[in-house]
Amino acid sequence: MATPSPSPSEVLRDLVGRTTLKAIDIVRVHAERADMFAIGGTLTVSAGHLAVLPQIEVAFPPEQANGTLTFMVNLLAELDPSPDRESGERQAFGTVAVSARLLYSLQGAQPSAALTHQFGRELAVHHAWPFLRERVNTLAQGIGLAPALLPLRRIDAGLVD
């Protein structure tokens, strides 16, 4: 009788069990505030929080070194310009970009490209998220914008069937 193939969640759980996060390095930061002269009118800095529209990209080298997994998690946060409801003035707004490099040690065989991609998209993003979240907020305030808090992130990996 043939042994059943492991489910996708079992395969991912096995990979998670064979990895250890060794380093998270912030390797790129960029913050840019909108130019009020190009936009026209007056921009004010709100005392509230800016809406953040994050875009996430995960990259990894096609050839991973034996015994390691490396990922680059790139986050572009567009800080939404919403009018002040009381005055009708537009808030100052801009964009913040942050990239983090994550290095994992790996026991056993290298995973397939598809499994590496899934691990990066789900687990590496989850591991980098608190660092990216803090940096977006710090950079937004550093260029004179209102606090820009990314939402908390719940792990949504395929770890459960």
N, C-alpha and C. Protein backbone atom coordinates (compact mmCIF):
# COMPACT_ATOMS: atom_id res chain seq x y z
N MET A 1 0.84 -1.16 0.00
CA MET A 1 0.00 0.00 0.00
C MET A 1 0.90 1.25 0.00
N ALA A 2 0.57 2.20 -0.86
CA ALA A 2 1.39 3.40 -1.01
C ALA A 2 1.20 4.33 0.19
N THR A 3 2.31 4.96 0.58
CA THR A 3 2.27 5.93 1.66
C THR A 3 1.69 7.22 1.12
N PRO A 4 0.71 7.82 1.81
CA PRO A 4 0.13 9.06 1.30
C PRO A 4 1.16 10.19 1.33
N SER A 5 1.07 11.06 0.34
CA SER A 5 1.97 12.23 0.29
C SER A 5 1.60 13.20 1.41
N PRO A 6 2.61 13.86 1.96
CA PRO A 6 2.29 14.85 3.00
C PRO A 6 1.50 16.01 2.41
N SER A 7 0.63 16.58 3.23
CA SER A 7 -0.16 17.72 2.78
C SER A 7 0.76 18.94 2.66
N PRO A 8 0.33 19.96 1.91
CA PRO A 8 1.15 21.18 1.79
C PRO A 8 1.47 21.80 3.16
N SER A 9 0.51 21.77 4.08
CA SER A 9 0.78 22.35 5.40
C SER A 9 1.82 21.53 6.15
N GLU A 10 1.82 20.20 5.98
CA GLU A 10 2.83 19.36 6.63
C GLU A 10 4.22 19.63 6.05
N VAL A 11 4.30 19.85 4.76
CA VAL A 11 5.57 20.14 4.12
C VAL A 11 6.12 21.49 4.63
N LEU A 12 5.24 22.50 4.73
CA LEU A 12 5.66 23.81 5.23
C LEU A 12 6.06 23.71 6.70
N ARG A 13 5.29 22.98 7.51
CA ARG A 13 5.63 22.80 8.93
C ARG A 13 6.99 22.14 9.08
N ASP A 14 7.28 21.17 8.22
CA ASP A 14 8.58 20.51 8.26
C ASP A 14 9.69 21.51 7.99
N LEU A 15 9.50 22.37 6.98
CA LEU A 15 10.51 23.37 6.67
C LEU A 15 10.68 24.36 7.83
N VAL A 16 9.59 24.81 8.41
CA VAL A 16 9.66 25.72 9.55
C VAL A 16 10.45 25.08 10.69
N GLY A 17 10.24 23.80 10.92
CA GLY A 17 10.94 23.09 11.98
C GLY A 17 12.44 22.92 11.71
N ARG A 18 12.84 23.09 10.47
CA ARG A 18 14.25 22.92 10.11
C ARG A 18 14.99 24.25 9.94
N THR A 19 14.31 25.35 10.20
CA THR A 19 14.93 26.67 10.03
C THR A 19 15.06 27.40 11.36
N THR A 20 16.07 28.25 11.43
CA THR A 20 16.27 29.15 12.57
C THR A 20 16.60 30.53 12.01
N LEU A 21 15.86 31.54 12.46
CA LEU A 21 16.13 32.90 12.03
C LEU A 21 17.43 33.37 12.67
N LYS A 22 18.40 33.74 11.86
CA LYS A 22 19.72 34.15 12.35
C LYS A 22 19.90 35.66 12.35
N ALA A 23 19.31 36.37 11.38
CA ALA A 23 19.53 37.81 11.30
C ALA A 23 18.42 38.48 10.52
N ILE A 24 18.08 39.69 10.97
CA ILE A 24 17.21 40.60 10.22
C ILE A 24 17.97 41.91 10.14
N ASP A 25 18.30 42.32 8.93
CA ASP A 25 19.03 43.57 8.72
C ASP A 25 18.17 44.51 7.89
N ILE A 26 17.99 45.73 8.36
CA ILE A 26 17.34 46.76 7.56
C ILE A 26 18.41 47.27 6.60
N VAL A 27 18.18 47.12 5.30
CA VAL A 27 19.22 47.44 4.31
C VAL A 27 18.87 48.64 3.44
N ARG A 28 17.62 49.11 3.50
CA ARG A 28 17.24 50.28 2.71
C ARG A 28 16.10 51.00 3.41
N VAL A 29 16.23 52.31 3.50
CA VAL A 29 15.13 53.14 4.01
C VAL A 29 15.04 54.38 3.13
N HIS A 30 13.83 54.81 2.87
CA HIS A 30 13.61 56.02 2.09
C HIS A 30 12.28 56.61 2.54
N ALA A 31 12.27 57.90 2.80
CA ALA A 31 11.04 58.60 3.15
C ALA A 31 10.96 59.86 2.32
N GLU A 32 9.78 60.13 1.81
CA GLU A 32 9.59 61.29 0.96
C GLU A 32 8.26 61.94 1.28
N ARG A 33 8.31 63.22 1.57
CA ARG A 33 7.10 63.98 1.86
C ARG A 33 6.65 64.69 0.60
N ALA A 34 5.35 64.78 0.41
CA ALA A 34 4.82 65.45 -0.78
C ALA A 34 5.25 66.91 -0.79
N ASP A 35 5.48 67.41 -1.98
CA ASP A 35 5.87 68.80 -2.17
C ASP A 35 4.61 69.65 -2.24
N MET A 36 4.38 70.49 -1.21
CA MET A 36 3.14 71.26 -1.16
C MET A 36 3.03 72.26 -2.30
N PHE A 37 4.17 72.70 -2.85
CA PHE A 37 4.11 73.66 -3.95
C PHE A 37 3.67 72.98 -5.25
N ALA A 38 4.07 71.73 -5.43
CA ALA A 38 3.66 71.00 -6.63
C ALA A 38 2.18 70.63 -6.56
N ILE A 39 1.70 70.40 -5.34
CA ILE A 39 0.30 69.99 -5.17
C ILE A 39 -0.62 71.20 -5.24
N GLY A 40 -0.16 72.31 -4.71
CA GLY A 40 -0.99 73.52 -4.66
C GLY A 40 -1.77 73.56 -3.36
N GLY A 41 -1.90 74.72 -2.81
CA GLY A 41 -2.66 74.85 -1.57
C GLY A 41 -1.76 74.65 -0.36
N THR A 42 -2.39 74.44 0.76
CA THR A 42 -1.68 74.32 2.02
C THR A 42 -1.81 72.90 2.55
N LEU A 43 -0.70 72.35 3.02
CA LEU A 43 -0.72 71.05 3.66
C LEU A 43 -0.42 71.25 5.14
N THR A 44 -1.16 70.56 5.97
CA THR A 44 -0.91 70.62 7.40
C THR A 44 -0.59 69.23 7.90
N VAL A 45 0.10 69.16 9.02
CA VAL A 45 0.39 67.87 9.63
C VAL A 45 -0.70 67.57 10.63
N SER A 46 -1.37 66.46 10.44
CA SER A 46 -2.47 66.07 11.31
C SER A 46 -1.95 65.55 12.64
N ALA A 47 -2.75 65.73 13.67
CA ALA A 47 -2.40 65.17 14.98
C ALA A 47 -2.80 63.70 15.06
N GLY A 48 -3.58 63.23 14.11
CA GLY A 48 -4.04 61.85 14.12
C GLY A 48 -3.05 60.94 13.40
N HIS A 49 -3.53 59.78 12.98
CA HIS A 49 -2.70 58.82 12.28
C HIS A 49 -3.02 58.87 10.79
N LEU A 50 -1.99 58.72 9.97
CA LEU A 50 -2.21 58.64 8.53
C LEU A 50 -2.65 57.23 8.15
N ALA A 51 -3.47 57.15 7.14
CA ALA A 51 -3.82 55.84 6.58
C ALA A 51 -2.61 55.34 5.80
N VAL A 52 -2.29 54.07 5.95
CA VAL A 52 -1.12 53.50 5.30
C VAL A 52 -1.59 52.43 4.33
N LEU A 53 -1.15 52.55 3.07
CA LEU A 53 -1.49 51.57 2.05
C LEU A 53 -0.22 50.81 1.70
N PRO A 54 0.05 49.66 2.39
CA PRO A 54 1.31 48.97 2.16
C PRO A 54 1.29 48.05 0.95
N GLN A 55 2.43 48.00 0.27
CA GLN A 55 2.66 47.04 -0.81
C GLN A 55 3.89 46.24 -0.42
N ILE A 56 3.80 44.93 -0.47
CA ILE A 56 4.89 44.07 -0.02
C ILE A 56 5.40 43.24 -1.18
N GLU A 57 6.71 43.13 -1.26
CA GLU A 57 7.36 42.30 -2.28
C GLU A 57 8.41 41.45 -1.57
N VAL A 58 8.45 40.17 -1.90
CA VAL A 58 9.44 39.26 -1.32
C VAL A 58 10.32 38.75 -2.44
N ALA A 59 11.62 38.84 -2.26
CA ALA A 59 12.57 38.34 -3.26
C ALA A 59 13.56 37.42 -2.57
N PHE A 60 14.05 36.47 -3.33
CA PHE A 60 15.10 35.59 -2.81
C PHE A 60 15.95 35.12 -3.99
N PRO A 61 17.24 34.88 -3.71
CA PRO A 61 18.10 34.42 -4.81
C PRO A 61 17.66 33.04 -5.28
N PRO A 62 17.68 32.80 -6.59
CA PRO A 62 17.26 31.48 -7.09
C PRO A 62 18.16 30.36 -6.59
N GLU A 63 19.43 30.66 -6.40
CA GLU A 63 20.37 29.66 -5.88
C GLU A 63 20.71 30.03 -4.44
N GLN A 64 20.13 29.30 -3.49
CA GLN A 64 20.41 29.54 -2.08
C GLN A 64 21.67 28.77 -1.69
N ALA A 65 22.49 29.35 -0.84
CA ALA A 65 23.68 28.65 -0.34
C ALA A 65 23.23 27.48 0.53
N ASN A 66 23.96 26.38 0.46
CA ASN A 66 23.60 25.22 1.28
C ASN A 66 23.55 25.60 2.75
N GLY A 67 22.51 25.14 3.42
CA GLY A 67 22.38 25.39 4.84
C GLY A 67 21.82 26.74 5.20
N THR A 68 21.37 27.52 4.20
CA THR A 68 20.79 28.83 4.50
C THR A 68 19.60 29.12 3.58
N LEU A 69 18.77 30.02 4.04
CA LEU A 69 17.72 30.63 3.23
C LEU A 69 17.84 32.14 3.45
N THR A 70 17.82 32.91 2.37
CA THR A 70 17.92 34.36 2.46
C THR A 70 16.74 34.97 1.71
N PHE A 71 16.14 35.99 2.32
CA PHE A 71 15.01 36.69 1.71
C PHE A 71 15.20 38.18 1.84
N MET A 72 14.65 38.92 0.89
CA MET A 72 14.56 40.37 0.97
C MET A 72 13.08 40.69 0.99
N VAL A 73 12.64 41.40 2.03
CA VAL A 73 11.25 41.83 2.13
C VAL A 73 11.24 43.34 1.92
N ASN A 74 10.59 43.77 0.85
CA ASN A 74 10.51 45.19 0.49
C ASN A 74 9.10 45.68 0.78
N LEU A 75 9.02 46.79 1.49
CA LEU A 75 7.73 47.38 1.84
C LEU A 75 7.69 48.81 1.32
N LEU A 76 6.67 49.12 0.55
CA LEU A 76 6.42 50.49 0.12
C LEU A 76 5.11 50.91 0.78
N ALA A 77 5.16 51.91 1.63
CA ALA A 77 3.97 52.39 2.32
C ALA A 77 3.59 53.75 1.76
N GLU A 78 2.43 53.82 1.14
CA GLU A 78 1.91 55.10 0.66
C GLU A 78 1.06 55.68 1.78
N LEU A 79 1.44 56.86 2.22
CA LEU A 79 0.74 57.51 3.32
C LEU A 79 -0.37 58.36 2.70
N ASP A 80 -1.58 57.98 2.97
CA ASP A 80 -2.77 58.48 2.27
C ASP A 80 -3.08 59.93 2.63
N PRO A 81 -3.22 60.77 1.60
CA PRO A 81 -3.62 62.16 1.87
C PRO A 81 -5.13 62.25 2.06
N SER A 82 -5.57 62.46 3.27
CA SER A 82 -7.00 62.60 3.50
C SER A 82 -7.27 63.98 4.09
N PRO A 83 -8.34 64.64 3.66
CA PRO A 83 -8.59 66.00 4.14
C PRO A 83 -8.96 66.00 5.62
N ASP A 84 -8.56 67.06 6.29
CA ASP A 84 -8.96 67.29 7.67
C ASP A 84 -10.46 67.60 7.63
N ARG A 85 -11.25 66.82 8.33
CA ARG A 85 -12.71 66.97 8.24
C ARG A 85 -13.19 68.33 8.71
N GLU A 86 -12.50 68.93 9.69
CA GLU A 86 -12.97 70.20 10.23
C GLU A 86 -12.57 71.39 9.36
N SER A 87 -11.33 71.42 8.90
CA SER A 87 -10.86 72.60 8.16
C SER A 87 -10.94 72.43 6.65
N GLY A 88 -11.01 71.20 6.17
CA GLY A 88 -11.01 70.95 4.74
C GLY A 88 -9.62 70.97 4.13
N GLU A 89 -8.58 71.27 4.94
CA GLU A 89 -7.22 71.27 4.42
C GLU A 89 -6.73 69.84 4.26
N ARG A 90 -5.82 69.67 3.31
CA ARG A 90 -5.23 68.35 3.11
C ARG A 90 -4.07 68.16 4.07
N GLN A 91 -3.92 66.93 4.54
CA GLN A 91 -2.80 66.60 5.42
C GLN A 91 -1.53 66.45 4.60
N ALA A 92 -0.40 66.65 5.26
CA ALA A 92 0.87 66.31 4.62
C ALA A 92 0.89 64.81 4.39
N PHE A 93 1.45 64.38 3.28
CA PHE A 93 1.50 62.94 3.00
C PHE A 93 2.76 62.63 2.22
N GLY A 94 3.02 61.35 2.06
CA GLY A 94 4.21 60.94 1.33
C GLY A 94 4.30 59.43 1.21
N THR A 95 5.52 58.96 0.99
CA THR A 95 5.77 57.53 0.89
C THR A 95 6.98 57.18 1.73
N VAL A 96 6.98 55.95 2.21
CA VAL A 96 8.11 55.40 2.95
C VAL A 96 8.41 54.03 2.37
N ALA A 97 9.67 53.77 2.09
CA ALA A 97 10.10 52.45 1.59
C ALA A 97 11.15 51.89 2.54
N VAL A 98 10.99 50.63 2.89
CA VAL A 98 11.93 49.95 3.79
C VAL A 98 12.17 48.55 3.25
N SER A 99 13.42 48.12 3.27
CA SER A 99 13.77 46.75 2.87
C SER A 99 14.54 46.08 3.99
N ALA A 100 14.18 44.84 4.24
CA ALA A 100 14.86 44.05 5.27
C ALA A 100 15.37 42.76 4.65
N ARG A 101 16.59 42.38 5.03
CA ARG A 101 17.17 41.11 4.58
C ARG A 101 17.10 40.15 5.76
N LEU A 102 16.56 38.97 5.51
CA LEU A 102 16.42 37.95 6.54
C LEU A 102 17.28 36.76 6.18
N LEU A 103 18.03 36.27 7.14
CA LEU A 103 18.89 35.11 6.94
C LEU A 103 18.47 34.02 7.92
N TYR A 104 18.20 32.85 7.39
CA TYR A 104 17.83 31.67 8.17
C TYR A 104 18.89 30.59 7.99
N SER A 105 19.17 29.86 9.05
CA SER A 105 19.97 28.65 8.89
C SER A 105 18.97 27.52 8.60
N LEU A 106 19.43 26.52 7.90
CA LEU A 106 18.57 25.44 7.45
C LEU A 106 19.24 24.10 7.69
N GLN A 107 18.52 23.21 8.33
CA GLN A 107 18.98 21.83 8.52
C GLN A 107 18.38 20.97 7.42
N GLY A 108 19.14 20.07 6.88
CA GLY A 108 18.61 19.15 5.88
C GLY A 108 18.64 19.72 4.48
N ALA A 109 17.86 19.09 3.62
CA ALA A 109 17.86 19.40 2.19
C ALA A 109 17.25 20.77 1.90
N GLN A 110 17.76 21.41 0.84
CA GLN A 110 17.21 22.68 0.39
C GLN A 110 15.78 22.44 -0.11
N PRO A 111 14.85 23.34 0.20
CA PRO A 111 13.47 23.18 -0.28
C PRO A 111 13.36 23.54 -1.76
N SER A 112 12.25 23.15 -2.34
CA SER A 112 11.98 23.50 -3.74
C SER A 112 11.80 25.02 -3.84
N ALA A 113 11.88 25.54 -5.06
CA ALA A 113 11.68 26.98 -5.28
C ALA A 113 10.28 27.39 -4.85
N ALA A 114 9.29 26.55 -5.13
CA ALA A 114 7.90 26.88 -4.76
C ALA A 114 7.74 26.95 -3.25
N LEU A 115 8.35 26.00 -2.53
CA LEU A 115 8.26 26.00 -1.07
C LEU A 115 9.04 27.16 -0.48
N THR A 116 10.19 27.49 -1.07
CA THR A 116 10.98 28.64 -0.62
C THR A 116 10.16 29.92 -0.80
N HIS A 117 9.49 30.04 -1.93
CA HIS A 117 8.65 31.21 -2.19
C HIS A 117 7.52 31.31 -1.16
N GLN A 118 6.87 30.19 -0.88
CA GLN A 118 5.78 30.19 0.10
C GLN A 118 6.31 30.57 1.49
N PHE A 119 7.44 30.01 1.89
CA PHE A 119 8.04 30.33 3.18
C PHE A 119 8.34 31.84 3.26
N GLY A 120 8.93 32.38 2.21
CA GLY A 120 9.26 33.80 2.21
C GLY A 120 8.03 34.68 2.25
N ARG A 121 7.05 34.36 1.43
CA ARG A 121 5.82 35.16 1.34
C ARG A 121 5.05 35.16 2.66
N GLU A 122 5.07 34.04 3.35
CA GLU A 122 4.26 33.92 4.56
C GLU A 122 5.06 34.10 5.84
N LEU A 123 6.18 33.37 5.99
CA LEU A 123 6.92 33.43 7.25
C LEU A 123 7.92 34.57 7.31
N ALA A 124 8.69 34.80 6.24
CA ALA A 124 9.69 35.87 6.28
C ALA A 124 9.00 37.23 6.43
N VAL A 125 7.90 37.44 5.74
CA VAL A 125 7.15 38.69 5.89
C VAL A 125 6.67 38.83 7.33
N HIS A 126 6.16 37.75 7.90
CA HIS A 126 5.69 37.79 9.29
C HIS A 126 6.83 38.12 10.25
N HIS A 127 7.99 37.54 10.04
CA HIS A 127 9.14 37.80 10.92
C HIS A 127 9.65 39.24 10.77
N ALA A 128 9.60 39.79 9.57
CA ALA A 128 10.11 41.14 9.33
C ALA A 128 9.11 42.23 9.73
N TRP A 129 7.84 41.87 9.80
CA TRP A 129 6.78 42.86 9.96
C TRP A 129 6.98 43.83 11.13
N PRO A 130 7.30 43.39 12.36
CA PRO A 130 7.45 44.36 13.46
C PRO A 130 8.55 45.39 13.19
N PHE A 131 9.62 44.97 12.53
CA PHE A 131 10.73 45.87 12.22
C PHE A 131 10.32 46.88 11.14
N LEU A 132 9.61 46.40 10.13
CA LEU A 132 9.13 47.27 9.06
C LEU A 132 8.10 48.25 9.60
N ARG A 133 7.22 47.76 10.44
CA ARG A 133 6.16 48.57 11.03
C ARG A 133 6.75 49.73 11.85
N GLU A 134 7.73 49.41 12.67
CA GLU A 134 8.37 50.45 13.49
C GLU A 134 9.09 51.46 12.61
N ARG A 135 9.80 50.99 11.60
CA ARG A 135 10.59 51.89 10.76
C ARG A 135 9.69 52.82 9.94
N VAL A 136 8.56 52.33 9.43
CA VAL A 136 7.64 53.19 8.68
C VAL A 136 7.14 54.32 9.58
N ASN A 137 6.74 53.99 10.79
CA ASN A 137 6.24 55.00 11.72
C ASN A 137 7.33 56.02 12.05
N THR A 138 8.52 55.55 12.36
CA THR A 138 9.64 56.44 12.72
C THR A 138 10.00 57.36 11.56
N LEU A 139 10.09 56.80 10.35
CA LEU A 139 10.45 57.62 9.18
C LEU A 139 9.37 58.64 8.85
N ALA A 140 8.11 58.25 8.94
CA ALA A 140 7.02 59.19 8.65
C ALA A 140 7.09 60.38 9.60
N GLN A 141 7.27 60.11 10.87
CA GLN A 141 7.36 61.21 11.84
C GLN A 141 8.65 62.01 11.65
N GLY A 142 9.72 61.34 11.21
CA GLY A 142 10.99 62.02 10.99
C GLY A 142 10.96 63.05 9.89
N ILE A 143 10.04 62.90 8.95
CA ILE A 143 9.92 63.90 7.87
C ILE A 143 8.72 64.82 8.11
N GLY A 144 8.23 64.81 9.34
CA GLY A 144 7.20 65.77 9.72
C GLY A 144 5.77 65.35 9.46
N LEU A 145 5.55 64.06 9.25
CA LEU A 145 4.19 63.58 9.03
C LEU A 145 3.60 63.05 10.33
N ALA A 146 2.31 62.85 10.32
CA ALA A 146 1.63 62.24 11.46
C ALA A 146 2.10 60.80 11.61
N PRO A 147 1.89 60.20 12.78
CA PRO A 147 2.25 58.78 12.94
C PRO A 147 1.57 57.93 11.86
N ALA A 148 2.30 56.95 11.36
CA ALA A 148 1.80 56.08 10.30
C ALA A 148 1.95 54.64 10.77
N LEU A 149 0.94 54.14 11.43
CA LEU A 149 1.02 52.80 12.01
C LEU A 149 0.46 51.75 11.07
N LEU A 150 1.30 50.80 10.69
CA LEU A 150 0.81 49.66 9.93
C LEU A 150 0.01 48.79 10.88
N PRO A 151 -0.97 48.08 10.37
CA PRO A 151 -1.76 47.21 11.26
C PRO A 151 -0.90 46.05 11.76
N LEU A 152 -1.33 45.47 12.87
CA LEU A 152 -0.67 44.25 13.32
C LEU A 152 -0.93 43.18 12.28
N ARG A 153 -0.03 42.24 12.17
CA ARG A 153 -0.15 41.20 11.13
C ARG A 153 -0.31 39.85 11.79
N ARG A 154 -1.35 39.17 11.40
CA ARG A 154 -1.59 37.81 11.89
C ARG A 154 -0.96 36.84 10.89
N ILE A 155 -0.35 35.82 11.42
CA ILE A 155 0.26 34.84 10.53
C ILE A 155 -0.85 34.08 9.80
N ASP A 156 -0.72 34.02 8.49
CA ASP A 156 -1.72 33.37 7.66
C ASP A 156 -1.04 32.33 6.79
N ALA A 157 -0.07 31.67 7.38
CA ALA A 157 0.68 30.68 6.62
C ALA A 157 -0.13 29.40 6.46
N GLY A 158 0.24 28.62 5.47
CA GLY A 158 -0.44 27.36 5.23
C GLY A 158 -0.01 26.30 6.23
N LEU A 159 0.00 26.64 7.50
CA LEU A 159 0.45 25.69 8.52
C LEU A 159 -0.69 24.83 9.03
N VAL A 160 -1.92 25.18 8.65
CA VAL A 160 -3.10 24.43 9.10
C VAL A 160 -3.84 23.93 7.88
N ASP A 161 -4.22 22.67 7.90
CA ASP A 161 -4.97 22.11 6.76
C ASP A 161 -6.37 22.65 6.72
